[in-house]
Amino acid sequence: MKKKMMIIVALFVLTLSLTACSSNAVKIGADANGQTIELAAGQKLVLSLESNPTTGFDWEVSEIDEAVIKQSGESEYKSESDLLGAGGVRTFTFKAVAAGTSTLKLVYHRSWEKDIPPEQEFTVTINVK
């Protein structure tokens, strides 16, 4: 009985520590456009924006100071439906690497259309302390 209780307590502590780690991330969406986001060094920023790559349009990072904040891995896309042509959400993860300020700008465009302005833009100012 004592061994079972120790295992339950250990699992509970592990669950709490994993929850604490994941809550360290700041999650934002399209409503944060134009805002200033405060981060601590080492903290993650998760940005989710509606996208529909089946139309040729997709989000791309166009401005970032990688001395302050860096993209972590590739962005991920999750469709909201199994239907052909359905839109979804593109999610980017960034990590604050050093104190400073960076503009983080993304454009929603067709990457092959060079002389056409983007369909949408998303810009936030990142302050890392």
N, C-alpha and C. Protein backbone atom coordinates (compact mmCIF):
# COMPACT_ATOMS: atom_id res chain seq x y z
N MET A 1 0.82 -1.19 0.00
CA MET A 1 0.00 0.00 0.00
C MET A 1 0.87 1.26 0.00
N LYS A 2 1.94 1.22 0.77
CA LYS A 2 2.85 2.36 0.87
C LYS A 2 3.50 2.63 -0.49
N LYS A 3 3.86 1.56 -1.21
CA LYS A 3 4.49 1.68 -2.52
C LYS A 3 3.53 2.31 -3.54
N LYS A 4 2.26 1.91 -3.48
CA LYS A 4 1.24 2.49 -4.38
C LYS A 4 1.09 3.98 -4.13
N MET A 5 1.08 4.34 -2.86
CA MET A 5 0.93 5.75 -2.50
C MET A 5 2.11 6.57 -3.00
N MET A 6 3.31 6.02 -2.90
CA MET A 6 4.51 6.71 -3.39
C MET A 6 4.44 6.91 -4.89
N ILE A 7 3.97 5.90 -5.61
CA ILE A 7 3.85 6.01 -7.07
C ILE A 7 2.81 7.08 -7.44
N ILE A 8 1.70 7.10 -6.74
CA ILE A 8 0.65 8.09 -7.01
C ILE A 8 1.18 9.50 -6.74
N VAL A 9 1.89 9.68 -5.64
CA VAL A 9 2.46 10.99 -5.31
C VAL A 9 3.48 11.40 -6.36
N ALA A 10 4.33 10.47 -6.80
CA ALA A 10 5.34 10.78 -7.82
C ALA A 10 4.68 11.19 -9.13
N LEU A 11 3.63 10.48 -9.54
CA LEU A 11 2.91 10.83 -10.76
C LEU A 11 2.25 12.20 -10.64
N PHE A 12 1.70 12.50 -9.48
CA PHE A 12 1.07 13.79 -9.24
C PHE A 12 2.09 14.92 -9.36
N VAL A 13 3.25 14.74 -8.74
CA VAL A 13 4.32 15.76 -8.80
C VAL A 13 4.80 15.94 -10.24
N LEU A 14 4.97 14.84 -10.97
CA LEU A 14 5.39 14.91 -12.36
C LEU A 14 4.36 15.67 -13.20
N THR A 15 3.09 15.38 -12.99
CA THR A 15 2.02 16.08 -13.73
C THR A 15 2.05 17.57 -13.44
N LEU A 16 2.21 17.94 -12.18
CA LEU A 16 2.28 19.36 -11.82
C LEU A 16 3.47 20.05 -12.47
N SER A 17 4.62 19.39 -12.48
CA SER A 17 5.81 20.01 -13.06
C SER A 17 5.67 20.17 -14.57
N LEU A 18 5.07 19.20 -15.25
CA LEU A 18 4.85 19.32 -16.69
C LEU A 18 3.85 20.43 -17.00
N THR A 19 2.83 20.56 -16.18
CA THR A 19 1.85 21.63 -16.37
C THR A 19 2.51 22.99 -16.17
N ALA A 20 3.38 23.11 -15.19
CA ALA A 20 4.07 24.37 -14.94
C ALA A 20 4.95 24.74 -16.11
N CYS A 21 5.63 23.76 -16.72
CA CYS A 21 6.50 24.03 -17.86
C CYS A 21 5.70 24.51 -19.06
N SER A 22 4.57 23.89 -19.33
CA SER A 22 3.79 24.28 -20.50
C SER A 22 3.10 25.62 -20.31
N SER A 23 2.81 26.00 -19.06
CA SER A 23 2.15 27.28 -18.83
C SER A 23 3.12 28.44 -18.94
N ASN A 24 4.41 28.16 -19.08
CA ASN A 24 5.43 29.18 -19.25
C ASN A 24 5.29 29.88 -20.60
N ALA A 25 4.65 29.24 -21.55
CA ALA A 25 4.50 29.81 -22.90
C ALA A 25 3.39 30.87 -22.92
N VAL A 26 3.66 31.94 -23.66
CA VAL A 26 2.65 32.97 -23.89
C VAL A 26 1.99 32.63 -25.22
N LYS A 27 0.67 32.48 -25.22
CA LYS A 27 -0.07 32.11 -26.43
C LYS A 27 -0.85 33.31 -26.93
N ILE A 28 -0.65 33.63 -28.22
CA ILE A 28 -1.36 34.76 -28.81
C ILE A 28 -1.95 34.36 -30.16
N GLY A 29 -2.89 35.17 -30.62
CA GLY A 29 -3.51 34.95 -31.92
C GLY A 29 -3.65 36.26 -32.66
N ALA A 30 -4.50 36.30 -33.65
CA ALA A 30 -4.66 37.47 -34.52
C ALA A 30 -5.05 38.73 -33.74
N ASP A 31 -5.75 38.56 -32.63
CA ASP A 31 -6.17 39.72 -31.84
C ASP A 31 -5.00 40.46 -31.19
N ALA A 32 -3.81 39.88 -31.18
CA ALA A 32 -2.62 40.53 -30.62
C ALA A 32 -1.93 41.45 -31.63
N ASN A 33 -2.41 41.48 -32.86
CA ASN A 33 -1.79 42.30 -33.91
C ASN A 33 -1.65 43.76 -33.43
N GLY A 34 -0.44 44.29 -33.54
CA GLY A 34 -0.17 45.68 -33.15
C GLY A 34 0.20 45.86 -31.69
N GLN A 35 0.15 44.80 -30.91
CA GLN A 35 0.42 44.91 -29.48
C GLN A 35 1.91 44.70 -29.16
N THR A 36 2.25 44.98 -27.91
CA THR A 36 3.58 44.71 -27.38
C THR A 36 3.47 43.53 -26.43
N ILE A 37 4.35 42.56 -26.61
CA ILE A 37 4.35 41.34 -25.81
C ILE A 37 5.60 41.33 -24.95
N GLU A 38 5.44 41.12 -23.65
CA GLU A 38 6.56 41.05 -22.71
C GLU A 38 6.91 39.59 -22.45
N LEU A 39 8.19 39.26 -22.59
CA LEU A 39 8.67 37.91 -22.33
C LEU A 39 9.92 37.96 -21.45
N ALA A 40 10.16 36.88 -20.74
CA ALA A 40 11.40 36.71 -20.01
C ALA A 40 12.34 35.88 -20.88
N ALA A 41 13.63 36.06 -20.73
CA ALA A 41 14.59 35.26 -21.48
C ALA A 41 14.30 33.78 -21.22
N GLY A 42 14.27 33.00 -22.29
CA GLY A 42 13.98 31.57 -22.18
C GLY A 42 12.51 31.23 -22.34
N GLN A 43 11.65 32.22 -22.23
CA GLN A 43 10.21 31.98 -22.35
C GLN A 43 9.80 31.76 -23.80
N LYS A 44 8.76 30.96 -24.01
CA LYS A 44 8.28 30.68 -25.36
C LYS A 44 7.06 31.54 -25.69
N LEU A 45 6.94 31.84 -26.98
CA LEU A 45 5.78 32.54 -27.52
C LEU A 45 5.17 31.62 -28.57
N VAL A 46 3.88 31.34 -28.45
CA VAL A 46 3.17 30.50 -29.40
C VAL A 46 2.14 31.38 -30.10
N LEU A 47 2.29 31.49 -31.42
CA LEU A 47 1.42 32.34 -32.24
C LEU A 47 0.61 31.47 -33.17
N SER A 48 -0.72 31.58 -33.12
CA SER A 48 -1.61 30.81 -33.99
C SER A 48 -2.45 31.76 -34.83
N LEU A 49 -2.40 31.54 -36.15
CA LEU A 49 -3.13 32.39 -37.09
C LEU A 49 -3.91 31.52 -38.08
N GLU A 50 -5.12 31.96 -38.42
CA GLU A 50 -5.92 31.24 -39.41
C GLU A 50 -5.21 31.28 -40.75
N SER A 51 -5.26 30.14 -41.45
CA SER A 51 -4.56 30.02 -42.72
C SER A 51 -5.30 29.03 -43.61
N ASN A 52 -5.05 29.14 -44.90
CA ASN A 52 -5.61 28.17 -45.84
C ASN A 52 -4.62 27.96 -46.97
N PRO A 53 -3.61 27.13 -46.75
CA PRO A 53 -2.58 26.93 -47.77
C PRO A 53 -3.10 26.31 -49.06
N THR A 54 -4.30 25.73 -49.05
CA THR A 54 -4.84 25.16 -50.30
C THR A 54 -5.11 26.24 -51.33
N THR A 55 -5.19 27.50 -50.90
CA THR A 55 -5.40 28.62 -51.82
C THR A 55 -4.08 29.19 -52.33
N GLY A 56 -2.98 28.66 -51.81
CA GLY A 56 -1.67 29.18 -52.15
C GLY A 56 -1.18 30.21 -51.15
N PHE A 57 -2.09 30.76 -50.35
CA PHE A 57 -1.71 31.74 -49.33
C PHE A 57 -1.25 31.03 -48.07
N ASP A 58 -0.21 31.57 -47.44
CA ASP A 58 0.25 31.05 -46.16
C ASP A 58 1.05 32.12 -45.45
N TRP A 59 1.22 31.93 -44.14
CA TRP A 59 1.98 32.86 -43.31
C TRP A 59 3.47 32.57 -43.39
N GLU A 60 4.25 33.66 -43.40
CA GLU A 60 5.70 33.56 -43.43
C GLU A 60 6.29 34.67 -42.57
N VAL A 61 7.30 34.35 -41.77
CA VAL A 61 7.99 35.37 -40.96
C VAL A 61 8.78 36.25 -41.92
N SER A 62 8.53 37.56 -41.86
CA SER A 62 9.24 38.47 -42.76
C SER A 62 10.19 39.40 -42.03
N GLU A 63 10.02 39.51 -40.71
CA GLU A 63 10.92 40.39 -39.93
C GLU A 63 11.05 39.85 -38.51
N ILE A 64 12.30 39.69 -38.06
CA ILE A 64 12.57 39.21 -36.71
C ILE A 64 14.03 39.51 -36.38
N ASP A 65 14.30 39.89 -35.15
CA ASP A 65 15.69 40.05 -34.70
C ASP A 65 16.06 38.79 -33.93
N GLU A 66 16.79 37.90 -34.58
CA GLU A 66 17.11 36.62 -33.98
C GLU A 66 18.09 36.71 -32.82
N ALA A 67 18.64 37.89 -32.57
CA ALA A 67 19.46 38.08 -31.38
C ALA A 67 18.57 38.20 -30.14
N VAL A 68 17.28 38.47 -30.35
CA VAL A 68 16.32 38.67 -29.26
C VAL A 68 15.35 37.49 -29.16
N ILE A 69 14.81 37.07 -30.29
CA ILE A 69 13.82 35.99 -30.31
C ILE A 69 14.03 35.14 -31.57
N LYS A 70 13.98 33.83 -31.42
CA LYS A 70 14.20 32.92 -32.55
C LYS A 70 13.01 31.99 -32.71
N GLN A 71 12.75 31.63 -33.96
CA GLN A 71 11.72 30.64 -34.22
C GLN A 71 12.25 29.27 -33.81
N SER A 72 11.41 28.51 -33.12
CA SER A 72 11.76 27.16 -32.68
C SER A 72 11.15 26.15 -33.64
N GLY A 73 11.96 25.55 -34.46
CA GLY A 73 11.46 24.55 -35.40
C GLY A 73 10.60 25.14 -36.49
N GLU A 74 9.94 24.26 -37.22
CA GLU A 74 9.06 24.67 -38.31
C GLU A 74 7.67 24.98 -37.75
N SER A 75 6.92 25.82 -38.45
CA SER A 75 5.54 26.06 -38.06
C SER A 75 4.73 24.80 -38.33
N GLU A 76 3.59 24.70 -37.67
CA GLU A 76 2.71 23.54 -37.85
C GLU A 76 1.36 24.01 -38.35
N TYR A 77 0.77 23.21 -39.24
CA TYR A 77 -0.55 23.54 -39.77
C TYR A 77 -1.52 22.43 -39.39
N LYS A 78 -2.68 22.83 -38.89
CA LYS A 78 -3.72 21.86 -38.57
C LYS A 78 -5.01 22.33 -39.22
N SER A 79 -5.54 21.48 -40.09
CA SER A 79 -6.80 21.77 -40.78
C SER A 79 -7.96 21.66 -39.79
N GLU A 80 -8.97 22.50 -39.99
CA GLU A 80 -10.14 22.46 -39.13
C GLU A 80 -11.16 21.42 -39.60
N SER A 81 -10.89 20.78 -40.76
CA SER A 81 -11.82 19.82 -41.32
C SER A 81 -11.09 18.88 -42.26
N ASP A 82 -11.69 17.74 -42.52
CA ASP A 82 -11.13 16.81 -43.49
C ASP A 82 -11.56 17.14 -44.92
N LEU A 83 -12.41 18.14 -45.08
CA LEU A 83 -12.91 18.52 -46.40
C LEU A 83 -11.81 19.19 -47.22
N LEU A 84 -11.77 18.89 -48.51
CA LEU A 84 -10.81 19.53 -49.41
C LEU A 84 -11.02 21.04 -49.42
N GLY A 85 -9.94 21.78 -49.36
CA GLY A 85 -10.02 23.23 -49.41
C GLY A 85 -10.35 23.90 -48.09
N ALA A 86 -10.54 23.13 -47.03
CA ALA A 86 -10.88 23.71 -45.74
C ALA A 86 -9.68 24.44 -45.15
N GLY A 87 -9.96 25.51 -44.46
CA GLY A 87 -8.92 26.26 -43.79
C GLY A 87 -8.52 25.61 -42.49
N GLY A 88 -7.60 26.25 -41.80
CA GLY A 88 -7.13 25.73 -40.53
C GLY A 88 -6.33 26.78 -39.79
N VAL A 89 -5.38 26.32 -38.99
CA VAL A 89 -4.58 27.21 -38.16
C VAL A 89 -3.10 26.88 -38.34
N ARG A 90 -2.31 27.91 -38.61
CA ARG A 90 -0.84 27.79 -38.69
C ARG A 90 -0.30 28.27 -37.35
N THR A 91 0.54 27.45 -36.70
CA THR A 91 1.08 27.78 -35.39
C THR A 91 2.60 27.87 -35.46
N PHE A 92 3.12 28.98 -34.97
CA PHE A 92 4.56 29.24 -34.90
C PHE A 92 4.96 29.25 -33.42
N THR A 93 6.14 28.73 -33.12
CA THR A 93 6.68 28.79 -31.76
C THR A 93 8.01 29.52 -31.81
N PHE A 94 8.16 30.48 -30.91
CA PHE A 94 9.39 31.27 -30.82
C PHE A 94 9.92 31.17 -29.40
N LYS A 95 11.22 31.40 -29.25
CA LYS A 95 11.84 31.40 -27.93
C LYS A 95 12.62 32.69 -27.73
N ALA A 96 12.36 33.37 -26.61
CA ALA A 96 13.10 34.57 -26.25
C ALA A 96 14.50 34.16 -25.85
N VAL A 97 15.52 34.69 -26.56
CA VAL A 97 16.89 34.25 -26.30
C VAL A 97 17.74 35.25 -25.52
N ALA A 98 17.41 36.54 -25.61
CA ALA A 98 18.21 37.54 -24.89
C ALA A 98 17.40 38.81 -24.70
N ALA A 99 17.80 39.61 -23.72
CA ALA A 99 17.12 40.86 -23.46
C ALA A 99 17.21 41.78 -24.67
N GLY A 100 16.13 42.49 -24.93
CA GLY A 100 16.09 43.42 -26.05
C GLY A 100 14.69 43.55 -26.60
N THR A 101 14.59 44.24 -27.72
CA THR A 101 13.31 44.47 -28.38
C THR A 101 13.41 44.06 -29.83
N SER A 102 12.37 43.38 -30.30
CA SER A 102 12.33 42.95 -31.70
C SER A 102 10.93 43.14 -32.25
N THR A 103 10.86 43.56 -33.49
CA THR A 103 9.60 43.51 -34.21
C THR A 103 9.47 42.10 -34.77
N LEU A 104 8.30 41.52 -34.59
CA LEU A 104 8.01 40.22 -35.18
C LEU A 104 6.89 40.46 -36.19
N LYS A 105 7.23 40.29 -37.47
CA LYS A 105 6.26 40.57 -38.52
C LYS A 105 6.09 39.31 -39.39
N LEU A 106 4.84 38.97 -39.65
CA LEU A 106 4.51 37.88 -40.55
C LEU A 106 3.62 38.41 -41.65
N VAL A 107 3.77 37.83 -42.83
CA VAL A 107 2.92 38.21 -43.96
C VAL A 107 2.17 36.98 -44.46
N TYR A 108 0.93 37.20 -44.88
CA TYR A 108 0.08 36.16 -45.45
C TYR A 108 0.03 36.42 -46.94
N HIS A 109 0.72 35.58 -47.70
CA HIS A 109 0.88 35.84 -49.12
C HIS A 109 1.11 34.55 -49.88
N ARG A 110 1.14 34.67 -51.19
CA ARG A 110 1.57 33.58 -52.05
C ARG A 110 3.05 33.83 -52.31
N SER A 111 3.88 32.91 -51.87
CA SER A 111 5.33 33.14 -51.87
C SER A 111 5.90 33.39 -53.27
N TRP A 112 5.23 32.92 -54.30
CA TRP A 112 5.76 33.10 -55.66
C TRP A 112 5.34 34.44 -56.28
N GLU A 113 4.41 35.15 -55.67
CA GLU A 113 3.98 36.45 -56.19
C GLU A 113 4.86 37.54 -55.58
N LYS A 114 5.87 37.96 -56.33
CA LYS A 114 6.91 38.86 -55.78
C LYS A 114 6.51 40.33 -55.74
N ASP A 115 5.77 40.83 -56.71
CA ASP A 115 5.47 42.27 -56.77
C ASP A 115 4.05 42.60 -56.33
N ILE A 116 3.46 41.72 -55.55
CA ILE A 116 2.09 41.93 -55.06
C ILE A 116 2.14 42.05 -53.54
N PRO A 117 1.49 43.08 -52.98
CA PRO A 117 1.50 43.21 -51.52
C PRO A 117 0.82 42.01 -50.85
N PRO A 118 1.21 41.69 -49.61
CA PRO A 118 0.60 40.56 -48.92
C PRO A 118 -0.90 40.78 -48.69
N GLU A 119 -1.63 39.69 -48.63
CA GLU A 119 -3.07 39.73 -48.34
C GLU A 119 -3.33 40.28 -46.94
N GLN A 120 -2.47 39.87 -45.98
CA GLN A 120 -2.57 40.33 -44.59
C GLN A 120 -1.18 40.46 -44.00
N GLU A 121 -1.09 41.24 -42.93
CA GLU A 121 0.15 41.35 -42.17
C GLU A 121 -0.17 41.22 -40.69
N PHE A 122 0.75 40.67 -39.94
CA PHE A 122 0.63 40.55 -38.50
C PHE A 122 1.94 41.03 -37.90
N THR A 123 1.86 42.02 -36.99
CA THR A 123 3.07 42.58 -36.40
C THR A 123 2.87 42.77 -34.89
N VAL A 124 3.85 42.32 -34.12
CA VAL A 124 3.89 42.60 -32.69
C VAL A 124 5.30 43.05 -32.34
N THR A 125 5.40 43.80 -31.26
CA THR A 125 6.70 44.18 -30.72
C THR A 125 6.98 43.27 -29.54
N ILE A 126 8.15 42.65 -29.54
CA ILE A 126 8.53 41.72 -28.47
C ILE A 126 9.57 42.40 -27.59
N ASN A 127 9.27 42.52 -26.30
CA ASN A 127 10.23 43.02 -25.31
C ASN A 127 10.66 41.86 -24.44
N VAL A 128 11.96 41.54 -24.48
CA VAL A 128 12.49 40.47 -23.65
C VAL A 128 13.29 41.11 -22.53
N LYS A 129 12.99 40.72 -21.32
CA LYS A 129 13.68 41.27 -20.14
C LYS A 129 14.64 40.28 -19.56
